[in-house]
Amino acid sequence: MVPIYRTDGEWVAVYTKGNLFNVDGEWIGFAVGRDVYDTGGLYLGFLSDDKRLLRKRTRPTDKLRLEPPPRPKRPKMPANMPLAPLLRSLPHQIIDMFEEYPERLIYVSETRPDME
């Protein structure tokens, strides 16, 4: 399991066996090489060397929607992860997906009751 961090150093996901899971163990995407796609097959970004999910600010036109693989089994999540390495600041044209678009990476089960 490889921990994935947000730019502020927060542990937000894990990458294991070609899939990305949030800290609750919910499947949020799959990887093809370093490119990451959501559970519907839409391009999210790429995994950086410093363990972040990044994307160019402008949406790439060459990344087509892919057929997602079958839903993987939920992994046994660790209670904690090592602290994030020192993360460098990002240039303006690169964004951290967990900071800019957290709503695309938060899985909310349709079987959960609505909050009142």
C-alpha atoms as a PDB file:
ATOM      1  CA  MET A   1       0.000   0.000   0.000  1.00  0.00           C
ATOM      2  CA  VAL A   2       1.297   3.379  -1.016  1.00  0.00           C
ATOM      3  CA  PRO A   3      -0.076   6.363   0.917  1.00  0.00           C
ATOM      4  CA  ILE A   4      -1.360   9.314  -1.116  1.00  0.00           C
ATOM      5  CA  TYR A   5      -1.112  12.747   0.462  1.00  0.00           C
ATOM      6  CA  ARG A   6      -2.709  16.129  -0.082  1.00  0.00           C
ATOM      7  CA  THR A   7      -0.340  19.069  -0.607  1.00  0.00           C
ATOM      8  CA  ASP A   8      -0.813  20.162   3.017  1.00  0.00           C
ATOM      9  CA  GLY A   9       0.553  16.760   4.154  1.00  0.00           C
ATOM     10  CA  GLU A  10      -2.753  15.124   5.087  1.00  0.00           C
ATOM     11  CA  TRP A  11      -3.032  11.390   4.302  1.00  0.00           C
ATOM     12  CA  VAL A  12      -6.099  11.130   2.026  1.00  0.00           C
ATOM     13  CA  ALA A  13      -5.890   7.836   0.115  1.00  0.00           C
ATOM     14  CA  VAL A  14      -3.932   4.683  -0.606  1.00  0.00           C
ATOM     15  CA  TYR A  15      -2.831   3.171  -3.884  1.00  0.00           C
ATOM     16  CA  THR A  16      -2.749  -0.603  -4.000  1.00  0.00           C
ATOM     17  CA  LYS A  17      -2.911  -3.182  -6.796  1.00  0.00           C
ATOM     18  CA  GLY A  18      -3.765  -0.576  -9.450  1.00  0.00           C
ATOM     19  CA  ASN A  19      -6.607   1.002  -7.469  1.00  0.00           C
ATOM     20  CA  LEU A  20      -7.072   4.113  -5.344  1.00  0.00           C
ATOM     21  CA  PHE A  21      -9.051   3.961  -2.089  1.00  0.00           C
ATOM     22  CA  ASN A  22      -9.905   6.771   0.321  1.00  0.00           C
ATOM     23  CA  VAL A  23      -8.959   6.461   4.003  1.00  0.00           C
ATOM     24  CA  ASP A  24     -12.327   4.805   4.736  1.00  0.00           C
ATOM     25  CA  GLY A  25     -11.515   2.041   2.239  1.00  0.00           C
ATOM     26  CA  GLU A  26     -14.003   3.189  -0.412  1.00  0.00           C
ATOM     27  CA  TRP A  27     -12.879   2.669  -4.026  1.00  0.00           C
ATOM     28  CA  ILE A  28     -12.394   6.057  -5.696  1.00  0.00           C
ATOM     29  CA  GLY A  29     -10.512   5.141  -8.854  1.00  0.00           C
ATOM     30  CA  PHE A  30      -8.115   2.996 -10.807  1.00  0.00           C
ATOM     31  CA  ALA A  31      -4.756   3.596 -12.417  1.00  0.00           C
ATOM     32  CA  VAL A  32      -3.448   2.935 -15.902  1.00  0.00           C
ATOM     33  CA  GLY A  33       0.276   3.466 -15.583  1.00  0.00           C
ATOM     34  CA  ARG A  34       0.488   6.734 -13.630  1.00  0.00           C
ATOM     35  CA  ASP A  35      -2.821   8.097 -14.943  1.00  0.00           C
ATOM     36  CA  VAL A  36      -5.741   7.808 -12.512  1.00  0.00           C
ATOM     37  CA  TYR A  37      -9.394   7.501 -13.535  1.00  0.00           C
ATOM     38  CA  ASP A  38     -12.481   7.666 -11.314  1.00  0.00           C
ATOM     39  CA  THR A  39     -14.892   4.758 -10.850  1.00  0.00           C
ATOM     40  CA  GLY A  40     -16.832   5.888 -13.931  1.00  0.00           C
ATOM     41  CA  GLY A  41     -13.726   5.933 -16.131  1.00  0.00           C
ATOM     42  CA  LEU A  42     -13.188   9.718 -16.271  1.00  0.00           C
ATOM     43  CA  TYR A  43      -9.630  11.042 -16.084  1.00  0.00           C
ATOM     44  CA  LEU A  44      -8.707  12.469 -12.676  1.00  0.00           C
ATOM     45  CA  GLY A  45      -4.979  13.128 -12.896  1.00  0.00           C
ATOM     46  CA  PHE A  46      -1.618  11.461 -12.438  1.00  0.00           C
ATOM     47  CA  LEU A  47       0.278  10.070  -9.479  1.00  0.00           C
ATOM     48  CA  SER A  48       3.357  12.170  -8.814  1.00  0.00           C
ATOM     49  CA  ASP A  49       6.712  10.952  -7.513  1.00  0.00           C
ATOM     50  CA  ASP A  50       5.981  12.593  -4.158  1.00  0.00           C
ATOM     51  CA  LYS A  51       2.745  10.584  -3.682  1.00  0.00           C
ATOM     52  CA  ARG A  52       0.093  13.124  -4.681  1.00  0.00           C
ATOM     53  CA  LEU A  53      -2.747  13.024  -7.209  1.00  0.00           C
ATOM     54  CA  LEU A  54      -2.070  15.964  -9.523  1.00  0.00           C
ATOM     55  CA  ARG A  55      -3.465  17.280 -12.804  1.00  0.00           C
ATOM     56  CA  LYS A  56      -2.792  20.130 -15.183  1.00  0.00           C
ATOM     57  CA  ARG A  57      -5.173  23.013 -14.526  1.00  0.00           C
ATOM     58  CA  THR A  58      -6.530  22.812 -18.088  1.00  0.00           C
ATOM     59  CA  ARG A  59      -8.448  19.620 -18.768  1.00  0.00           C
ATOM     60  CA  PRO A  60      -6.490  17.355 -21.147  1.00  0.00           C
ATOM     61  CA  THR A  61      -8.330  16.571 -24.374  1.00  0.00           C
ATOM     62  CA  ASP A  62      -6.351  13.420 -25.144  1.00  0.00           C
ATOM     63  CA  LYS A  63      -7.589  11.491 -22.071  1.00  0.00           C
ATOM     64  CA  LEU A  64     -10.667   9.582 -23.167  1.00  0.00           C
ATOM     65  CA  ARG A  65     -13.173   7.913 -20.881  1.00  0.00           C
ATOM     66  CA  LEU A  66     -12.125   4.338 -20.120  1.00  0.00           C
ATOM     67  CA  GLU A  67     -14.200   1.312 -19.254  1.00  0.00           C
ATOM     68  CA  PRO A  68     -13.711   0.850 -15.502  1.00  0.00           C
ATOM     69  CA  PRO A  69     -12.605  -2.527 -14.188  1.00  0.00           C
ATOM     70  CA  PRO A  70     -14.869  -4.528 -11.877  1.00  0.00           C
ATOM     71  CA  ARG A  71     -15.136  -3.066  -8.381  1.00  0.00           C
ATOM     72  CA  PRO A  72     -12.198  -4.385  -6.333  1.00  0.00           C
ATOM     73  CA  LYS A  73     -12.538  -5.833  -2.878  1.00  0.00           C
ATOM     74  CA  ARG A  74     -12.222  -3.346  -0.052  1.00  0.00           C
ATOM     75  CA  PRO A  75      -8.688  -3.519   1.391  1.00  0.00           C
ATOM     76  CA  LYS A  76      -7.904  -3.760   5.068  1.00  0.00           C
ATOM     77  CA  MET A  77      -6.904  -0.178   5.794  1.00  0.00           C
ATOM     78  CA  PRO A  78      -4.061   0.632   8.192  1.00  0.00           C
ATOM     79  CA  ALA A  79      -4.852   2.685  11.275  1.00  0.00           C
ATOM     80  CA  ASN A  80      -2.251   5.281  10.315  1.00  0.00           C
ATOM     81  CA  MET A  81       0.436   6.065   7.766  1.00  0.00           C
ATOM     82  CA  PRO A  82       3.891   7.603   7.960  1.00  0.00           C
ATOM     83  CA  LEU A  83       4.075  11.364   7.889  1.00  0.00           C
ATOM     84  CA  ALA A  84       4.154  12.919   4.451  1.00  0.00           C
ATOM     85  CA  PRO A  85       7.531  13.716   2.939  1.00  0.00           C
ATOM     86  CA  LEU A  86       8.373  17.385   2.524  1.00  0.00           C
ATOM     87  CA  LEU A  87       6.135  18.355  -0.397  1.00  0.00           C
ATOM     88  CA  ARG A  88       7.257  21.075  -2.757  1.00  0.00           C
ATOM     89  CA  SER A  89       4.873  23.810  -3.808  1.00  0.00           C
ATOM     90  CA  LEU A  90       3.101  23.323  -7.116  1.00  0.00           C
ATOM     91  CA  PRO A  91       3.444  25.577 -10.149  1.00  0.00           C
ATOM     92  CA  HIS A  92       0.301  27.484 -11.142  1.00  0.00           C
ATOM     93  CA  GLN A  93      -0.528  25.130 -14.033  1.00  0.00           C
ATOM     94  CA  ILE A  94      -0.616  22.008 -11.778  1.00  0.00           C
ATOM     95  CA  ILE A  95      -3.354  21.381  -9.198  1.00  0.00           C
ATOM     96  CA  ASP A  96      -3.753  18.896  -6.369  1.00  0.00           C
ATOM     97  CA  MET A  97      -7.014  17.053  -7.072  1.00  0.00           C
ATOM     98  CA  PHE A  98      -7.728  16.390  -3.397  1.00  0.00           C
ATOM     99  CA  GLU A  99      -7.582  20.144  -2.715  1.00  0.00           C
ATOM    100  CA  GLU A 100      -9.276  21.520  -5.827  1.00  0.00           C
ATOM    101  CA  TYR A 101     -11.957  18.864  -6.440  1.00  0.00           C
ATOM    102  CA  PRO A 102     -12.534  16.924  -3.222  1.00  0.00           C
ATOM    103  CA  GLU A 103     -16.168  16.302  -4.208  1.00  0.00           C
ATOM    104  CA  ARG A 104     -15.015  14.092  -7.104  1.00  0.00           C
ATOM    105  CA  LEU A 105     -12.966  11.967  -4.714  1.00  0.00           C
ATOM    106  CA  ILE A 106     -15.415  11.535  -1.864  1.00  0.00           C
ATOM    107  CA  TYR A 107     -17.546   8.451  -2.227  1.00  0.00           C
ATOM    108  CA  VAL A 108     -20.958   8.658  -0.621  1.00  0.00           C
ATOM    109  CA  SER A 109     -22.845   5.389  -0.624  1.00  0.00           C
ATOM    110  CA  GLU A 110     -26.373   5.532  -1.978  1.00  0.00           C
ATOM    111  CA  THR A 111     -27.384   3.099   0.737  1.00  0.00           C
ATOM    112  CA  ARG A 112     -26.558   5.540   3.542  1.00  0.00           C
ATOM    113  CA  PRO A 113     -29.564   7.366   4.967  1.00  0.00           C
ATOM    114  CA  ASP A 114     -29.800  11.081   4.204  1.00  0.00           C
ATOM    115  CA  MET A 115     -28.719  13.497   6.900  1.00  0.00           C
ATOM    116  CA  GLU A 116     -31.564  15.463   8.415  1.00  0.00           C
END
